[in-house]
Amino acid sequence: TLNYDLYRPTYHSELFQAVFDFINKEDEDIQALEIGAGTGLATAPFLVEDFQVEAVEISQKMVDFLRNKFKDFTNFQVRNIPFEDYLFSLNSIDLLYSATAFHWISKEKGYQKVYDILKPKGSIALFWNIPSIEDNGILYQHIQMIYDSYQNKGYRKKSNQTSDAAKNYYTSIVNDLQPYGFEPFIEKTYQ
């Protein structure tokens, strides 16, 4: 878990600032729910901004790590539960966010649940770290060889991610969200 926290790519500070600028900040006590917190790479910026963050994380090892990592923050709590099993009050959250994790939740269950959880002026922020083969050609090829060596052992092979493929992926998420009542959308890419 420690190595995951140390070496996992983090998120651009401009991304967090864009989220802060977008959300409704009329309330001083902003309630946030993080889905799939992992080791908290996307948690810290919200805690520092004094959001009240509740995280749900399916891995007990990650939950233990998070509790220790953020033990000095009174505005943080974490629950060892899948988002699908999370019990919630309607219209209770100002911001729901997920960093490189929401794709594990079925959109049929997840998007409606998110819509029900959010306050009328609430926001959802979904973001990912997606490597581009244009940016990391040699590194990507070496990593792909490792994936290929495990392909017959039940591991899922990563798809080739070009900038266009990533853009199409984000557009598909926006298209998937629209029928559930989410609007307006802001889509940004940080290199």
Protein backbone atom coordinates (compact mmCIF):
# COMPACT_ATOMS: atom_id res chain seq x y z
CA THR A 1 0.00 0.00 0.00
CA LEU A 2 2.83 2.40 0.81
CA ASN A 3 4.49 1.80 -2.58
CA TYR A 4 1.15 2.36 -4.30
CA ASP A 5 0.87 5.70 -2.51
CA LEU A 6 4.44 6.67 -3.34
CA TYR A 7 4.52 5.72 -7.01
CA ARG A 8 0.95 6.04 -8.28
CA PRO A 9 0.64 9.11 -10.54
CA THR A 10 -1.06 11.96 -8.72
CA TYR A 11 -3.44 14.55 -10.13
CA HIS A 12 -2.69 18.01 -11.45
CA SER A 13 -3.33 20.85 -8.99
CA GLU A 14 -5.24 22.72 -11.72
CA LEU A 15 -7.75 19.87 -11.77
CA PHE A 16 -8.58 20.38 -8.11
CA GLN A 17 -8.78 24.15 -8.56
CA ALA A 18 -11.23 23.65 -11.45
CA VAL A 19 -13.43 21.50 -9.17
CA PHE A 20 -13.26 24.06 -6.36
CA ASP A 21 -14.17 26.87 -8.79
CA PHE A 22 -17.09 24.93 -10.26
CA ILE A 23 -18.91 23.73 -7.18
CA ASN A 24 -21.47 25.71 -5.25
CA LYS A 25 -19.45 27.22 -2.38
CA GLU A 26 -22.32 29.10 -0.73
CA ASP A 27 -22.22 26.66 2.19
CA GLU A 28 -19.24 26.90 4.46
CA ASP A 29 -19.63 23.26 5.46
CA ILE A 30 -19.29 21.41 2.15
CA GLN A 31 -20.16 17.74 2.39
CA ALA A 32 -18.12 15.59 -0.01
CA LEU A 33 -18.25 11.89 -0.73
CA GLU A 34 -15.24 10.22 -2.33
CA ILE A 35 -15.77 6.93 -4.14
CA GLY A 36 -12.80 4.56 -4.16
CA ALA A 37 -10.36 6.65 -2.17
CA GLY A 38 -7.44 4.23 -2.53
CA THR A 39 -4.53 5.74 -0.61
CA GLY A 40 -5.97 9.25 -0.67
CA LEU A 41 -4.08 10.81 -3.55
CA ALA A 42 -7.22 12.80 -4.41
CA THR A 43 -8.41 13.13 -0.81
CA ALA A 44 -5.84 15.52 0.64
CA PRO A 45 -6.68 18.58 -1.49
CA PHE A 46 -10.33 18.46 -0.36
CA LEU A 47 -9.35 18.04 3.28
CA VAL A 48 -6.96 20.98 3.10
CA GLU A 49 -9.81 23.10 1.67
CA ASP A 50 -11.88 22.13 4.76
CA PHE A 51 -14.44 19.98 2.96
CA GLN A 52 -16.15 17.43 5.20
CA VAL A 53 -15.00 14.28 3.38
CA GLU A 54 -16.52 10.86 3.79
CA ALA A 55 -14.81 8.22 1.69
CA VAL A 56 -15.92 4.76 0.74
CA GLU A 57 -13.21 2.24 -0.07
CA ILE A 58 -13.63 -1.47 -0.72
CA SER A 59 -10.11 -2.51 0.38
CA GLN A 60 -9.59 -2.89 4.14
CA LYS A 61 -5.82 -2.38 3.67
CA MET A 62 -6.48 0.94 1.96
CA VAL A 63 -8.99 1.95 4.68
CA ASP A 64 -6.40 1.26 7.38
CA PHE A 65 -3.81 3.23 5.41
CA LEU A 66 -6.22 6.17 4.96
CA ARG A 67 -7.14 6.27 8.63
CA ASN A 68 -3.50 6.52 9.55
CA LYS A 69 -2.57 8.95 6.76
CA PHE A 70 -5.37 11.41 7.64
CA LYS A 71 -5.57 10.81 11.39
CA ASP A 72 -4.98 14.50 12.10
CA PHE A 73 -7.94 15.64 9.99
CA THR A 74 -11.17 15.89 11.96
CA ASN A 75 -13.05 16.53 8.69
CA PHE A 76 -12.36 13.01 7.35
CA GLN A 77 -13.98 9.65 7.79
CA VAL A 78 -13.73 6.49 5.73
CA ARG A 79 -15.94 3.44 5.48
CA ASN A 80 -14.93 0.00 4.26
CA ILE A 81 -17.86 -0.60 1.94
CA PRO A 82 -18.55 -0.75 -1.79
CA PHE A 83 -20.36 2.30 -3.15
CA GLU A 84 -23.21 0.06 -4.30
CA ASP A 85 -23.89 -0.85 -0.63
CA TYR A 86 -23.48 2.70 0.70
CA LEU A 87 -26.61 3.83 2.55
CA PHE A 88 -27.36 7.50 2.02
CA SER A 89 -29.87 10.24 2.62
CA LEU A 90 -31.45 11.83 -0.43
CA ASN A 91 -30.03 15.22 -1.44
CA SER A 92 -27.37 15.16 1.28
CA ILE A 93 -24.04 15.69 -0.49
CA ASP A 94 -22.63 18.84 -2.11
CA LEU A 95 -19.88 17.08 -4.05
CA LEU A 96 -19.34 13.49 -5.03
CA TYR A 97 -15.98 12.78 -6.62
CA SER A 98 -14.03 9.78 -7.77
CA ALA A 99 -10.44 9.61 -8.98
CA THR A 100 -9.63 6.72 -11.32
CA ALA A 101 -12.22 4.50 -9.62
CA PHE A 102 -15.78 5.19 -10.82
CA HIS A 103 -15.37 2.97 -13.89
CA TRP A 104 -15.65 -0.05 -11.56
CA ILE A 105 -19.27 0.85 -10.78
CA SER A 106 -22.01 0.02 -13.25
CA LYS A 107 -23.36 3.19 -14.78
CA GLU A 108 -26.93 1.89 -14.50
CA LYS A 109 -26.66 1.70 -10.70
CA GLY A 110 -23.99 4.30 -10.06
CA TYR A 111 -25.24 7.36 -11.92
CA GLN A 112 -28.77 7.18 -10.54
CA LYS A 113 -27.45 6.69 -7.01
CA VAL A 114 -25.12 9.69 -7.41
CA TYR A 115 -27.98 11.84 -8.70
CA ASP A 116 -30.12 10.83 -5.71
CA ILE A 117 -27.34 11.56 -3.20
CA LEU A 118 -26.47 15.02 -4.52
CA LYS A 119 -28.17 18.16 -3.30
CA PRO A 120 -30.08 20.06 -6.02
CA LYS A 121 -27.04 22.30 -6.69
CA GLY A 122 -24.55 19.50 -6.00
CA SER A 123 -21.75 18.45 -8.31
CA ILE A 124 -20.07 15.28 -9.47
CA ALA A 125 -16.39 15.27 -10.41
CA LEU A 126 -15.01 12.19 -12.14
CA PHE A 127 -11.38 12.16 -13.15
CA TRP A 128 -8.75 9.69 -14.32
CA ASN A 129 -5.07 9.34 -14.93
CA ILE A 130 -4.87 7.87 -18.40
CA PRO A 131 -1.43 7.37 -19.91
CA SER A 132 -1.09 8.25 -23.57
CA ILE A 133 1.04 6.14 -25.84
CA GLU A 134 1.96 9.31 -27.73
CA ASP A 135 3.47 10.76 -24.56
CA ASN A 136 5.07 7.57 -23.22
CA GLY A 137 5.80 5.41 -26.26
CA ILE A 138 8.77 3.39 -25.01
CA LEU A 139 7.50 3.14 -21.43
CA TYR A 140 4.04 2.15 -22.67
CA GLN A 141 5.50 -0.60 -24.88
CA HIS A 142 7.45 -2.07 -21.95
CA ILE A 143 4.40 -2.01 -19.70
CA GLN A 144 2.31 -3.56 -22.48
CA MET A 145 4.78 -6.46 -22.69
CA ILE A 146 4.24 -7.11 -18.98
CA TYR A 147 0.45 -7.08 -19.45
CA ASP A 148 0.85 -9.42 -22.43
CA SER A 149 2.86 -11.87 -20.31
CA TYR A 150 -0.07 -12.13 -17.87
CA GLN A 151 -2.84 -12.10 -20.45
CA ASN A 152 -3.36 -15.86 -20.35
CA LYS A 153 -3.40 -15.85 -16.55
CA GLY A 154 -6.70 -13.98 -16.17
CA TYR A 155 -5.38 -10.43 -16.07
CA ARG A 156 -7.18 -7.86 -18.20
CA LYS A 157 -5.03 -6.39 -20.93
CA LYS A 158 -4.85 -2.61 -21.06
CA SER A 159 -6.14 -1.03 -24.22
CA ASN A 160 -3.99 1.29 -26.29
CA GLN A 161 -4.79 4.80 -25.12
CA THR A 162 -4.25 7.58 -27.59
CA SER A 163 -5.27 11.16 -26.92
CA ASP A 164 -8.25 10.67 -29.25
CA ALA A 165 -9.28 7.46 -27.46
CA ALA A 166 -9.12 9.20 -24.08
CA LYS A 167 -11.17 12.14 -25.43
CA ASN A 168 -13.77 9.70 -26.81
CA TYR A 169 -13.89 7.97 -23.44
CA TYR A 170 -14.62 11.23 -21.62
CA THR A 171 -17.26 12.18 -24.18
CA SER A 172 -18.96 8.81 -23.64
CA ILE A 173 -19.11 9.49 -19.88
CA VAL A 174 -20.79 12.85 -20.48
CA ASN A 175 -23.26 11.14 -22.83
CA ASP A 176 -23.95 8.46 -20.20
CA LEU A 177 -24.58 11.08 -17.49
CA GLN A 178 -27.05 13.22 -19.44
CA PRO A 179 -30.09 10.90 -19.19
CA TYR A 180 -29.80 10.95 -15.39
CA GLY A 181 -30.31 14.71 -15.19
CA PHE A 182 -26.75 15.97 -14.77
CA GLU A 183 -25.95 19.35 -16.31
CA PRO A 184 -24.00 21.51 -17.11
CA PHE A 185 -20.78 19.70 -17.93
CA ILE A 186 -17.20 20.84 -17.96
CA GLU A 187 -14.68 18.52 -19.52
CA LYS A 188 -10.98 19.30 -19.20
CA THR A 189 -7.75 17.49 -19.88
CA TYR A 190 -4.51 18.22 -18.07
CA GLN A 191 -1.26 16.93 -19.51
